[in-house]
Amino acid sequence: MPYTRDMNLVSLVDHFHSEERCRTYLETLRWPKGKVVCPRCGKQSISRIEDRQQYDCNSCRYQFSVTAGTIFHDSHLPLWKWFLATYTMIESKKSVSANQIKRMLKVSYKTAWYLCHRIRAAMKEINPEPLTGTVEADETLVGGKRLRRRSNYRDNKAMVMGVIQRDGKVRLEMADVKHKDLSREMAHAFLRRHTLPELERLITDEHWAYREFADKDTRHEMVNHGDKEWVRGDVHTNTVENVWSLLQRSIIGSYHKLSFKHLDAYLDELEWRFNNRQNPYLFRETLRKLLGAKGLPYRRLTSAT
């Protein structure tokens, strides 16, 4: 549908103000060729059950709807509320808190929190494309204040590692909570996971953990922040530090606090939004991700592990 390009709030309300319109649009995204496919057996011999907004597979007799087997499954929320929450999350540069979603949608905090986490779970990239060319790598600490006056300032924090391709995408990852400082083994393993071997340039600060990663085909260039050197020609880590700024503004301005358990989910959200910052069809693509994501039980989100 052409109106999903450069979606804004006015067009969202105009086009998706009813459950029927939302459901029709999801059907268009899930079955773009117009042929409904049974999610259980894959056959296309389908009958429509009009009064229940469902389908009946003539082969295996499975009855399903457009939301069956997706992150929407078993949700009692109207689809227009899903659409509004999704739009708000992708269009808010500093993200949005569950409390704000609660006020917008007139739902309980528990419902808003669960809704936001299901949308974040769908945003997670599966087997993301590795980065190449010139990349910047850096790490940052996020978390609260010191637990005790004499404790180490790192004790109540988690480390996040990031690598970004110049004029390209970013990859973010939370380190094991036991690690408060970056080791060479961690840095190199992270870079190997998210970059191609034929990397042209790696740009970092002076942290020793990044050294010896580069080979004859990759130049490793550094800026020495300890000596107050921030830029030398086009050698800098300003691009990845811009991502840290967005992360910190999200925590301070929207979330206020978040748990280490769910930090990776918030990083997935930031990564998806940042990597699609120039995508005029971001709303449509996010809904496609929601349709492709499996259900996320509430008990899994709230379990101790």
C-alpha atoms as a PDB file:
ATOM      1  CA  MET A   1       0.000   0.000   0.000  1.00  0.00           C
ATOM      2  CA  PRO A   2       1.586   3.312  -1.067  1.00  0.00           C
ATOM      3  CA  TYR A   3       0.497   5.273   2.001  1.00  0.00           C
ATOM      4  CA  THR A   4       2.951   3.397   4.209  1.00  0.00           C
ATOM      5  CA  ARG A   5       5.828   5.415   2.721  1.00  0.00           C
ATOM      6  CA  ASP A   6       7.006   8.106   5.159  1.00  0.00           C
ATOM      7  CA  MET A   7       4.235   7.222   7.590  1.00  0.00           C
ATOM      8  CA  ASN A   8       3.199   9.984   9.999  1.00  0.00           C
ATOM      9  CA  LEU A   9       0.709  10.094  12.852  1.00  0.00           C
ATOM     10  CA  VAL A  10      -2.042  11.719  10.790  1.00  0.00           C
ATOM     11  CA  SER A  11      -1.865   9.079   8.042  1.00  0.00           C
ATOM     12  CA  LEU A  12      -1.627   6.313  10.648  1.00  0.00           C
ATOM     13  CA  VAL A  13      -4.910   7.403  12.260  1.00  0.00           C
ATOM     14  CA  ASP A  14      -6.489   8.021   8.852  1.00  0.00           C
ATOM     15  CA  HIS A  15      -5.696   4.610   7.387  1.00  0.00           C
ATOM     16  CA  PHE A  16      -5.607   2.310  10.431  1.00  0.00           C
ATOM     17  CA  HIS A  17      -8.420   3.547  12.659  1.00  0.00           C
ATOM     18  CA  SER A  18     -10.334   0.255  12.587  1.00  0.00           C
ATOM     19  CA  GLU A  19      -9.585  -3.368  13.351  1.00  0.00           C
ATOM     20  CA  GLU A  20     -10.732  -4.418   9.894  1.00  0.00           C
ATOM     21  CA  ARG A  21      -8.286  -2.070   8.142  1.00  0.00           C
ATOM     22  CA  CYS A  22      -5.387  -3.232  10.313  1.00  0.00           C
ATOM     23  CA  ARG A  23      -6.199  -6.884   9.686  1.00  0.00           C
ATOM     24  CA  THR A  24      -6.522  -6.334   5.914  1.00  0.00           C
ATOM     25  CA  TYR A  25      -3.137  -4.629   5.830  1.00  0.00           C
ATOM     26  CA  LEU A  26      -1.486  -7.464   7.792  1.00  0.00           C
ATOM     27  CA  GLU A  27      -2.952  -9.927   5.307  1.00  0.00           C
ATOM     28  CA  THR A  28      -1.398  -7.919   2.471  1.00  0.00           C
ATOM     29  CA  LEU A  29       2.006  -8.064   4.197  1.00  0.00           C
ATOM     30  CA  ARG A  30       1.839 -11.720   5.174  1.00  0.00           C
ATOM     31  CA  TRP A  31       0.528 -12.960   1.817  1.00  0.00           C
ATOM     32  CA  PRO A  32       1.712 -10.324  -0.680  1.00  0.00           C
ATOM     33  CA  LYS A  33       0.785 -12.455  -3.713  1.00  0.00           C
ATOM     34  CA  GLY A  34      -2.832 -12.521  -2.566  1.00  0.00           C
ATOM     35  CA  LYS A  35      -2.834 -16.260  -1.959  1.00  0.00           C
ATOM     36  CA  VAL A  36      -3.448 -17.267   1.667  1.00  0.00           C
ATOM     37  CA  VAL A  37      -1.116 -20.057   2.814  1.00  0.00           C
ATOM     38  CA  CYS A  38      -1.831 -22.430   5.697  1.00  0.00           C
ATOM     39  CA  PRO A  39       0.868 -21.901   8.351  1.00  0.00           C
ATOM     40  CA  ARG A  40       0.646 -25.537   9.407  1.00  0.00           C
ATOM     41  CA  CYS A  41       0.794 -27.534   6.148  1.00  0.00           C
ATOM     42  CA  GLY A  42       1.729 -24.857   3.613  1.00  0.00           C
ATOM     43  CA  LYS A  43      -1.203 -25.613   1.285  1.00  0.00           C
ATOM     44  CA  GLN A  44      -3.116 -22.850  -0.528  1.00  0.00           C
ATOM     45  CA  SER A  45      -6.561 -24.467  -0.634  1.00  0.00           C
ATOM     46  CA  ILE A  46      -8.188 -22.172   1.906  1.00  0.00           C
ATOM     47  CA  SER A  47     -11.764 -21.203   2.790  1.00  0.00           C
ATOM     48  CA  ARG A  48     -12.588 -17.951   4.555  1.00  0.00           C
ATOM     49  CA  ILE A  49     -14.726 -17.924   7.713  1.00  0.00           C
ATOM     50  CA  GLU A  50     -16.168 -14.439   7.325  1.00  0.00           C
ATOM     51  CA  ASP A  51     -17.929 -13.959  10.663  1.00  0.00           C
ATOM     52  CA  ARG A  52     -14.809 -14.954  12.674  1.00  0.00           C
ATOM     53  CA  GLN A  53     -12.151 -13.265  10.486  1.00  0.00           C
ATOM     54  CA  GLN A  54     -10.422 -16.614  10.145  1.00  0.00           C
ATOM     55  CA  TYR A  55      -9.443 -19.154   7.493  1.00  0.00           C
ATOM     56  CA  ASP A  56     -10.031 -22.876   7.248  1.00  0.00           C
ATOM     57  CA  CYS A  57      -7.449 -25.059   5.501  1.00  0.00           C
ATOM     58  CA  ASN A  58      -9.205 -27.539   3.217  1.00  0.00           C
ATOM     59  CA  SER A  59      -6.229 -29.915   3.462  1.00  0.00           C
ATOM     60  CA  CYS A  60      -5.445 -30.222   7.185  1.00  0.00           C
ATOM     61  CA  ARG A  61      -8.576 -28.480   8.545  1.00  0.00           C
ATOM     62  CA  TYR A  62      -6.475 -26.063  10.580  1.00  0.00           C
ATOM     63  CA  GLN A  63      -8.359 -22.873  11.389  1.00  0.00           C
ATOM     64  CA  PHE A  64      -6.204 -19.771  11.627  1.00  0.00           C
ATOM     65  CA  SER A  65      -6.132 -15.998  11.300  1.00  0.00           C
ATOM     66  CA  VAL A  66      -3.539 -13.613   9.869  1.00  0.00           C
ATOM     67  CA  THR A  67      -1.957 -13.307  13.323  1.00  0.00           C
ATOM     68  CA  ALA A  68      -1.639 -17.064  13.939  1.00  0.00           C
ATOM     69  CA  GLY A  69       1.894 -18.125  14.855  1.00  0.00           C
ATOM     70  CA  THR A  70       3.129 -14.534  15.068  1.00  0.00           C
ATOM     71  CA  ILE A  71       4.048 -12.197  17.908  1.00  0.00           C
ATOM     72  CA  PHE A  72       0.418 -10.951  17.783  1.00  0.00           C
ATOM     73  CA  HIS A  73      -0.891 -14.433  18.647  1.00  0.00           C
ATOM     74  CA  ASP A  74      -3.048 -14.679  21.792  1.00  0.00           C
ATOM     75  CA  SER A  75      -2.995 -10.896  22.255  1.00  0.00           C
ATOM     76  CA  HIS A  76      -6.275  -9.376  23.415  1.00  0.00           C
ATOM     77  CA  LEU A  77      -5.216  -5.879  22.401  1.00  0.00           C
ATOM     78  CA  PRO A  78      -6.892  -4.348  19.334  1.00  0.00           C
ATOM     79  CA  LEU A  79      -4.568  -4.277  16.344  1.00  0.00           C
ATOM     80  CA  TRP A  80      -4.795  -0.496  16.068  1.00  0.00           C
ATOM     81  CA  LYS A  81      -3.151  -0.257  19.500  1.00  0.00           C
ATOM     82  CA  TRP A  82      -0.340  -2.515  18.282  1.00  0.00           C
ATOM     83  CA  PHE A  83       0.050  -0.276  15.239  1.00  0.00           C
ATOM     84  CA  LEU A  84       0.142   2.907  17.324  1.00  0.00           C
ATOM     85  CA  ALA A  85       2.660   1.478  19.817  1.00  0.00           C
ATOM     86  CA  THR A  86       4.878   0.242  16.965  1.00  0.00           C
ATOM     87  CA  TYR A  87       4.775   3.602  15.191  1.00  0.00           C
ATOM     88  CA  THR A  88       5.581   5.470  18.422  1.00  0.00           C
ATOM     89  CA  MET A  89       8.576   3.246  19.202  1.00  0.00           C
ATOM     90  CA  ILE A  90      10.175   3.520  15.756  1.00  0.00           C
ATOM     91  CA  GLU A  91       9.566   7.254  15.418  1.00  0.00           C
ATOM     92  CA  SER A  92      10.841   8.249  18.870  1.00  0.00           C
ATOM     93  CA  LYS A  93      14.552   8.941  18.494  1.00  0.00           C
ATOM     94  CA  LYS A  94      15.069   8.495  22.243  1.00  0.00           C
ATOM     95  CA  SER A  95      12.514   5.669  22.325  1.00  0.00           C
ATOM     96  CA  VAL A  96       9.448   5.695  24.550  1.00  0.00           C
ATOM     97  CA  SER A  97       8.761   4.302  28.001  1.00  0.00           C
ATOM     98  CA  ALA A  98       6.132   1.714  28.885  1.00  0.00           C
ATOM     99  CA  ASN A  99       4.529   4.374  31.096  1.00  0.00           C
ATOM    100  CA  GLN A 100       4.070   6.634  28.080  1.00  0.00           C
ATOM    101  CA  ILE A 101       2.541   3.775  26.060  1.00  0.00           C
ATOM    102  CA  LYS A 102       0.285   3.052  29.029  1.00  0.00           C
ATOM    103  CA  ARG A 103      -1.035   6.630  29.001  1.00  0.00           C
ATOM    104  CA  MET A 104      -1.402   6.735  25.211  1.00  0.00           C
ATOM    105  CA  LEU A 105      -3.294   3.470  24.861  1.00  0.00           C
ATOM    106  CA  LYS A 106      -5.217   3.589  28.159  1.00  0.00           C
ATOM    107  CA  VAL A 107      -3.955   0.190  29.258  1.00  0.00           C
ATOM    108  CA  SER A 108      -2.301  -1.110  32.425  1.00  0.00           C
ATOM    109  CA  TYR A 109       1.452  -0.727  32.932  1.00  0.00           C
ATOM    110  CA  LYS A 110       1.868  -4.511  32.785  1.00  0.00           C
ATOM    111  CA  THR A 111       0.124  -4.621  29.387  1.00  0.00           C
ATOM    112  CA  ALA A 112       2.176  -1.703  28.032  1.00  0.00           C
ATOM    113  CA  TRP A 113       5.462  -3.194  29.278  1.00  0.00           C
ATOM    114  CA  TYR A 114       4.660  -6.590  27.754  1.00  0.00           C
ATOM    115  CA  LEU A 115       3.572  -4.974  24.482  1.00  0.00           C
ATOM    116  CA  CYS A 116       6.812  -2.991  24.166  1.00  0.00           C
ATOM    117  CA  HIS A 117       8.950  -6.042  24.841  1.00  0.00           C
ATOM    118  CA  ARG A 118       7.128  -8.100  22.216  1.00  0.00           C
ATOM    119  CA  ILE A 119       7.727  -5.372  19.638  1.00  0.00           C
ATOM    120  CA  ARG A 120      11.424  -5.210  20.644  1.00  0.00           C
ATOM    121  CA  ALA A 121      11.718  -8.986  20.327  1.00  0.00           C
ATOM    122  CA  ALA A 122      10.504  -8.740  16.723  1.00  0.00           C
ATOM    123  CA  MET A 123      13.060  -6.015  15.942  1.00  0.00           C
ATOM    124  CA  LYS A 124      15.973  -8.327  16.677  1.00  0.00           C
ATOM    125  CA  GLU A 125      18.024  -9.001  13.555  1.00  0.00           C
ATOM    126  CA  ILE A 126      18.554 -12.699  12.770  1.00  0.00           C
ATOM    127  CA  ASN A 127      21.953 -13.435  11.184  1.00  0.00           C
ATOM    128  CA  PRO A 128      22.712  -9.772  10.444  1.00  0.00           C
ATOM    129  CA  GLU A 129      24.936  -8.961   7.492  1.00  0.00           C
ATOM    130  CA  PRO A 130      28.573  -8.430   8.570  1.00  0.00           C
ATOM    131  CA  LEU A 131      30.094  -4.977   8.256  1.00  0.00           C
ATOM    132  CA  THR A 132      32.894  -4.070   5.875  1.00  0.00           C
ATOM    133  CA  GLY A 133      34.896  -1.106   4.586  1.00  0.00           C
ATOM    134  CA  THR A 134      35.770   1.367   7.344  1.00  0.00           C
ATOM    135  CA  VAL A 135      34.358   0.602  10.781  1.00  0.00           C
ATOM    136  CA  GLU A 136      34.596   2.221  14.193  1.00  0.00           C
ATOM    137  CA  ALA A 137      34.574   0.146  17.377  1.00  0.00           C
ATOM    138  CA  ASP A 138      34.107   1.273  20.961  1.00  0.00           C
ATOM    139  CA  GLU A 139      32.566   0.243  24.272  1.00  0.00           C
ATOM    140  CA  THR A 140      30.599   2.028  26.981  1.00  0.00           C
ATOM    141  CA  LEU A 141      29.266   1.381  30.462  1.00  0.00           C
ATOM    142  CA  VAL A 142      25.597   1.771  31.318  1.00  0.00           C
ATOM    143  CA  GLY A 143      23.942   1.434  34.683  1.00  0.00           C
ATOM    144  CA  GLY A 144      23.367   3.055  38.012  1.00  0.00           C
ATOM    145  CA  LYS A 145      25.397   4.849  40.642  1.00  0.00           C
ATOM    146  CA  ARG A 146      27.890   3.288  43.014  1.00  0.00           C
ATOM    147  CA  LEU A 147      26.296   0.815  45.382  1.00  0.00           C
ATOM    148  CA  ARG A 148      28.577   1.879  48.236  1.00  0.00           C
ATOM    149  CA  ARG A 149      30.876   4.854  48.769  1.00  0.00           C
ATOM    150  CA  ARG A 150      34.062   2.772  48.591  1.00  0.00           C
ATOM    151  CA  SER A 151      32.929   0.423  45.825  1.00  0.00           C
ATOM    152  CA  ASN A 152      34.299   0.451  42.290  1.00  0.00           C
ATOM    153  CA  TYR A 153      32.294   2.735  40.003  1.00  0.00           C
ATOM    154  CA  ARG A 154      31.915  -0.192  37.560  1.00  0.00           C
ATOM    155  CA  ASP A 155      30.214  -2.517  40.044  1.00  0.00           C
ATOM    156  CA  ASN A 156      26.642  -1.461  39.235  1.00  0.00           C
ATOM    157  CA  LYS A 157      27.150  -1.154  35.493  1.00  0.00           C
ATOM    158  CA  ALA A 158      27.099  -3.325  32.373  1.00  0.00           C
ATOM    159  CA  MET A 159      29.389  -2.997  29.388  1.00  0.00           C
ATOM    160  CA  VAL A 160      28.009  -2.565  25.876  1.00  0.00           C
ATOM    161  CA  MET A 161      30.203  -3.143  22.818  1.00  0.00           C
ATOM    162  CA  GLY A 162      29.512  -1.475  19.489  1.00  0.00           C
ATOM    163  CA  VAL A 163      30.893  -1.468  15.959  1.00  0.00           C
ATOM    164  CA  ILE A 164      29.578   0.725  13.149  1.00  0.00           C
ATOM    165  CA  GLN A 165      30.322   0.929   9.461  1.00  0.00           C
ATOM    166  CA  ARG A 166      30.926   4.457   8.185  1.00  0.00           C
ATOM    167  CA  ASP A 167      27.682   5.547   6.460  1.00  0.00           C
ATOM    168  CA  GLY A 168      26.279   2.140   7.325  1.00  0.00           C
ATOM    169  CA  LYS A 169      24.846  -0.006  10.065  1.00  0.00           C
ATOM    170  CA  VAL A 170      25.689  -0.535  13.708  1.00  0.00           C
ATOM    171  CA  ARG A 171      25.949  -3.748  15.727  1.00  0.00           C
ATOM    172  CA  LEU A 172      25.473  -3.624  19.492  1.00  0.00           C
ATOM    173  CA  GLU A 173      25.987  -6.293  22.125  1.00  0.00           C
ATOM    174  CA  MET A 174      25.992  -6.449  25.885  1.00  0.00           C
ATOM    175  CA  ALA A 175      29.063  -8.139  27.330  1.00  0.00           C
ATOM    176  CA  ASP A 176      28.754 -10.780  30.011  1.00  0.00           C
ATOM    177  CA  VAL A 177      27.674  -8.967  33.185  1.00  0.00           C
ATOM    178  CA  LYS A 178      30.654 -10.479  35.012  1.00  0.00           C
ATOM    179  CA  HIS A 179      32.993  -8.441  32.824  1.00  0.00           C
ATOM    180  CA  LYS A 180      33.367  -4.758  33.664  1.00  0.00           C
ATOM    181  CA  ASP A 181      36.382  -4.165  31.474  1.00  0.00           C
ATOM    182  CA  LEU A 182      37.083  -5.105  27.890  1.00  0.00           C
ATOM    183  CA  SER A 183      39.574  -7.897  27.296  1.00  0.00           C
ATOM    184  CA  ARG A 184      41.389  -8.560  24.040  1.00  0.00           C
ATOM    185  CA  GLU A 185      39.621 -11.888  23.689  1.00  0.00           C
ATOM    186  CA  MET A 186      36.182 -10.241  24.050  1.00  0.00           C
ATOM    187  CA  ALA A 187      36.974  -7.380  21.659  1.00  0.00           C
ATOM    188  CA  HIS A 188      38.395  -9.626  18.944  1.00  0.00           C
ATOM    189  CA  ALA A 189      35.551 -12.159  19.211  1.00  0.00           C
ATOM    190  CA  PHE A 190      32.982  -9.359  18.955  1.00  0.00           C
ATOM    191  CA  LEU A 191      34.658  -7.880  15.880  1.00  0.00           C
ATOM    192  CA  ARG A 192      34.947 -11.275  14.202  1.00  0.00           C
ATOM    193  CA  ARG A 193      31.219 -11.885  14.729  1.00  0.00           C
ATOM    194  CA  HIS A 194      30.182  -8.631  13.096  1.00  0.00           C
ATOM    195  CA  THR A 195      32.784  -7.750  10.447  1.00  0.00           C
ATOM    196  CA  LEU A 196      34.112  -9.385   7.305  1.00  0.00           C
ATOM    197  CA  PRO A 197      37.708 -10.709   7.320  1.00  0.00           C
ATOM    198  CA  GLU A 198      38.637  -8.372   4.443  1.00  0.00           C
ATOM    199  CA  LEU A 199      37.921  -5.273   6.525  1.00  0.00           C
ATOM    200  CA  GLU A 200      39.642  -2.193   5.097  1.00  0.00           C
ATOM    201  CA  ARG A 201      40.045  -0.025   8.215  1.00  0.00           C
ATOM    202  CA  LEU A 202      39.372  -0.427  11.914  1.00  0.00           C
ATOM    203  CA  ILE A 203      39.247   2.817  13.887  1.00  0.00           C
ATOM    204  CA  THR A 204      39.231   2.781  17.701  1.00  0.00           C
ATOM    205  CA  ASP A 205      40.478   4.750  20.660  1.00  0.00           C
ATOM    206  CA  GLU A 206      43.730   3.788  22.338  1.00  0.00           C
ATOM    207  CA  HIS A 207      42.261   0.848  24.310  1.00  0.00           C
ATOM    208  CA  TRP A 208      44.775  -2.007  24.216  1.00  0.00           C
ATOM    209  CA  ALA A 209      42.059  -4.675  23.713  1.00  0.00           C
ATOM    210  CA  TYR A 210      41.572  -3.744  20.047  1.00  0.00           C
ATOM    211  CA  ARG A 211      45.247  -4.050  19.171  1.00  0.00           C
ATOM    212  CA  GLU A 212      46.557  -6.898  17.027  1.00  0.00           C
ATOM    213  CA  PHE A 213      43.130  -7.512  15.517  1.00  0.00           C
ATOM    214  CA  ALA A 214      44.126  -6.023  12.185  1.00  0.00           C
ATOM    215  CA  ASP A 215      46.124  -8.026   9.658  1.00  0.00           C
ATOM    216  CA  LYS A 216      47.956  -7.085   6.453  1.00  0.00           C
ATOM    217  CA  ASP A 217      44.645  -6.338   4.703  1.00  0.00           C
ATOM    218  CA  THR A 218      43.216  -4.204   7.517  1.00  0.00           C
ATOM    219  CA  ARG A 219      44.613  -0.920   8.793  1.00  0.00           C
ATOM    220  CA  HIS A 220      44.106  -0.222  12.480  1.00  0.00           C
ATOM    221  CA  GLU A 221      44.058   3.509  13.214  1.00  0.00           C
ATOM    222  CA  MET A 222      43.589   5.043  16.648  1.00  0.00           C
ATOM    223  CA  VAL A 223      42.828   8.351  18.306  1.00  0.00           C
ATOM    224  CA  ASN A 224      44.287   8.896  21.758  1.00  0.00           C
ATOM    225  CA  HIS A 225      41.481  10.153  23.961  1.00  0.00           C
ATOM    226  CA  GLY A 226      43.800  10.054  26.960  1.00  0.00           C
ATOM    227  CA  ASP A 227      45.825  12.842  25.342  1.00  0.00           C
ATOM    228  CA  LYS A 228      42.625  14.696  24.373  1.00  0.00           C
ATOM    229  CA  GLU A 229      42.981  13.751  20.723  1.00  0.00           C
ATOM    230  CA  TRP A 230      39.470  13.398  19.327  1.00  0.00           C
ATOM    231  CA  VAL A 231      39.938  13.769  15.560  1.00  0.00           C
ATOM    232  CA  ARG A 232      42.898  13.371  13.220  1.00  0.00           C
ATOM    233  CA  GLY A 233      41.812  13.868   9.636  1.00  0.00           C
ATOM    234  CA  ASP A 234      39.031  11.293   9.149  1.00  0.00           C
ATOM    235  CA  VAL A 235      40.305   9.159  12.029  1.00  0.00           C
ATOM    236  CA  HIS A 236      37.782   9.407  14.879  1.00  0.00           C
ATOM    237  CA  THR A 237      35.189   7.393  16.789  1.00  0.00           C
ATOM    238  CA  ASN A 238      32.523  10.101  16.685  1.00  0.00           C
ATOM    239  CA  THR A 239      30.078   7.937  14.708  1.00  0.00           C
ATOM    240  CA  VAL A 240      29.901   5.142  17.262  1.00  0.00           C
ATOM    241  CA  GLU A 241      29.935   7.662  20.118  1.00  0.00           C
ATOM    242  CA  ASN A 242      26.844   9.248  18.574  1.00  0.00           C
ATOM    243  CA  VAL A 243      25.124   5.883  19.105  1.00  0.00           C
ATOM    244  CA  TRP A 244      26.239   5.908  22.767  1.00  0.00           C
ATOM    245  CA  SER A 245      24.720   9.368  23.074  1.00  0.00           C
ATOM    246  CA  LEU A 246      21.380   8.081  21.755  1.00  0.00           C
ATOM    247  CA  LEU A 247      21.540   5.146  24.184  1.00  0.00           C
ATOM    248  CA  GLN A 248      22.267   7.357  27.173  1.00  0.00           C
ATOM    249  CA  ARG A 249      19.537   9.840  26.224  1.00  0.00           C
ATOM    250  CA  SER A 250      17.078   6.946  25.938  1.00  0.00           C
ATOM    251  CA  ILE A 251      17.958   5.719  29.423  1.00  0.00           C
ATOM    252  CA  ILE A 252      17.971   9.150  31.064  1.00  0.00           C
ATOM    253  CA  GLY A 253      15.084  10.701  29.150  1.00  0.00           C
ATOM    254  CA  SER A 254      12.699   7.792  28.551  1.00  0.00           C
ATOM    255  CA  TYR A 255      13.428   4.601  30.480  1.00  0.00           C
ATOM    256  CA  HIS A 256      15.080   6.215  33.560  1.00  0.00           C
ATOM    257  CA  LYS A 257      16.275   2.758  34.549  1.00  0.00           C
ATOM    258  CA  LEU A 258      16.416  -0.692  33.005  1.00  0.00           C
ATOM    259  CA  SER A 259      17.563  -4.126  34.085  1.00  0.00           C
ATOM    260  CA  PHE A 260      20.657  -5.907  32.823  1.00  0.00           C
ATOM    261  CA  LYS A 261      18.412  -8.873  31.994  1.00  0.00           C
ATOM    262  CA  HIS A 262      16.556  -6.909  29.297  1.00  0.00           C
ATOM    263  CA  LEU A 263      19.384  -4.627  28.171  1.00  0.00           C
ATOM    264  CA  ASP A 264      19.990  -6.654  24.996  1.00  0.00           C
ATOM    265  CA  ALA A 265      16.350  -6.131  23.995  1.00  0.00           C
ATOM    266  CA  TYR A 266      16.709  -2.342  24.331  1.00  0.00           C
ATOM    267  CA  LEU A 267      19.900  -2.533  22.266  1.00  0.00           C
ATOM    268  CA  ASP A 268      18.015  -4.477  19.560  1.00  0.00           C
ATOM    269  CA  GLU A 269      15.441  -1.690  19.426  1.00  0.00           C
ATOM    270  CA  LEU A 270      18.086   1.030  19.148  1.00  0.00           C
ATOM    271  CA  GLU A 271      19.973  -0.961  16.511  1.00  0.00           C
ATOM    272  CA  TRP A 272      16.839  -1.495  14.380  1.00  0.00           C
ATOM    273  CA  ARG A 273      15.800   2.152  14.578  1.00  0.00           C
ATOM    274  CA  PHE A 274      19.314   3.477  13.848  1.00  0.00           C
ATOM    275  CA  ASN A 275      19.980   1.092  10.970  1.00  0.00           C
ATOM    276  CA  ASN A 276      16.692   2.062   9.330  1.00  0.00           C
ATOM    277  CA  ARG A 277      16.953   5.809   9.945  1.00  0.00           C
ATOM    278  CA  GLN A 278      16.825   6.524   6.187  1.00  0.00           C
ATOM    279  CA  ASN A 279      14.188   3.890   5.379  1.00  0.00           C
ATOM    280  CA  PRO A 280      10.944   5.569   4.188  1.00  0.00           C
ATOM    281  CA  TYR A 281       9.120   2.250   4.668  1.00  0.00           C
ATOM    282  CA  LEU A 282      10.254   1.654   8.246  1.00  0.00           C
ATOM    283  CA  PHE A 283       6.707   1.274   9.603  1.00  0.00           C
ATOM    284  CA  ARG A 284       5.848  -1.339   6.977  1.00  0.00           C
ATOM    285  CA  GLU A 285       9.104  -3.233   7.488  1.00  0.00           C
ATOM    286  CA  THR A 286       8.630  -3.267  11.265  1.00  0.00           C
ATOM    287  CA  LEU A 287       5.152  -4.746  10.880  1.00  0.00           C
ATOM    288  CA  ARG A 288       6.672  -7.408   8.621  1.00  0.00           C
ATOM    289  CA  LYS A 289       9.127  -8.213  11.414  1.00  0.00           C
ATOM    290  CA  LEU A 290       6.205  -8.544  13.841  1.00  0.00           C
ATOM    291  CA  LEU A 291       4.469 -10.975  11.505  1.00  0.00           C
ATOM    292  CA  GLY A 292       7.655 -13.018  11.153  1.00  0.00           C
ATOM    293  CA  ALA A 293       8.390 -13.213  14.884  1.00  0.00           C
ATOM    294  CA  LYS A 294       7.252 -16.047  17.116  1.00  0.00           C
ATOM    295  CA  GLY A 295       5.194 -15.518  20.242  1.00  0.00           C
ATOM    296  CA  LEU A 296       6.926 -14.350  23.413  1.00  0.00           C
ATOM    297  CA  PRO A 297       5.306 -15.727  26.606  1.00  0.00           C
ATOM    298  CA  TYR A 298       5.072 -13.308  29.522  1.00  0.00           C
ATOM    299  CA  ARG A 299       6.573 -15.893  31.868  1.00  0.00           C
ATOM    300  CA  ARG A 300       9.752 -15.992  29.770  1.00  0.00           C
ATOM    301  CA  LEU A 301      10.178 -12.241  30.143  1.00  0.00           C
ATOM    302  CA  THR A 302       9.659 -12.338  33.903  1.00  0.00           C
ATOM    303  CA  SER A 303      11.545 -15.543  34.725  1.00  0.00           C
ATOM    304  CA  ALA A 304      14.573 -15.324  37.007  1.00  0.00           C
ATOM    305  CA  THR A 305      16.971 -16.548  34.278  1.00  0.00           C
END
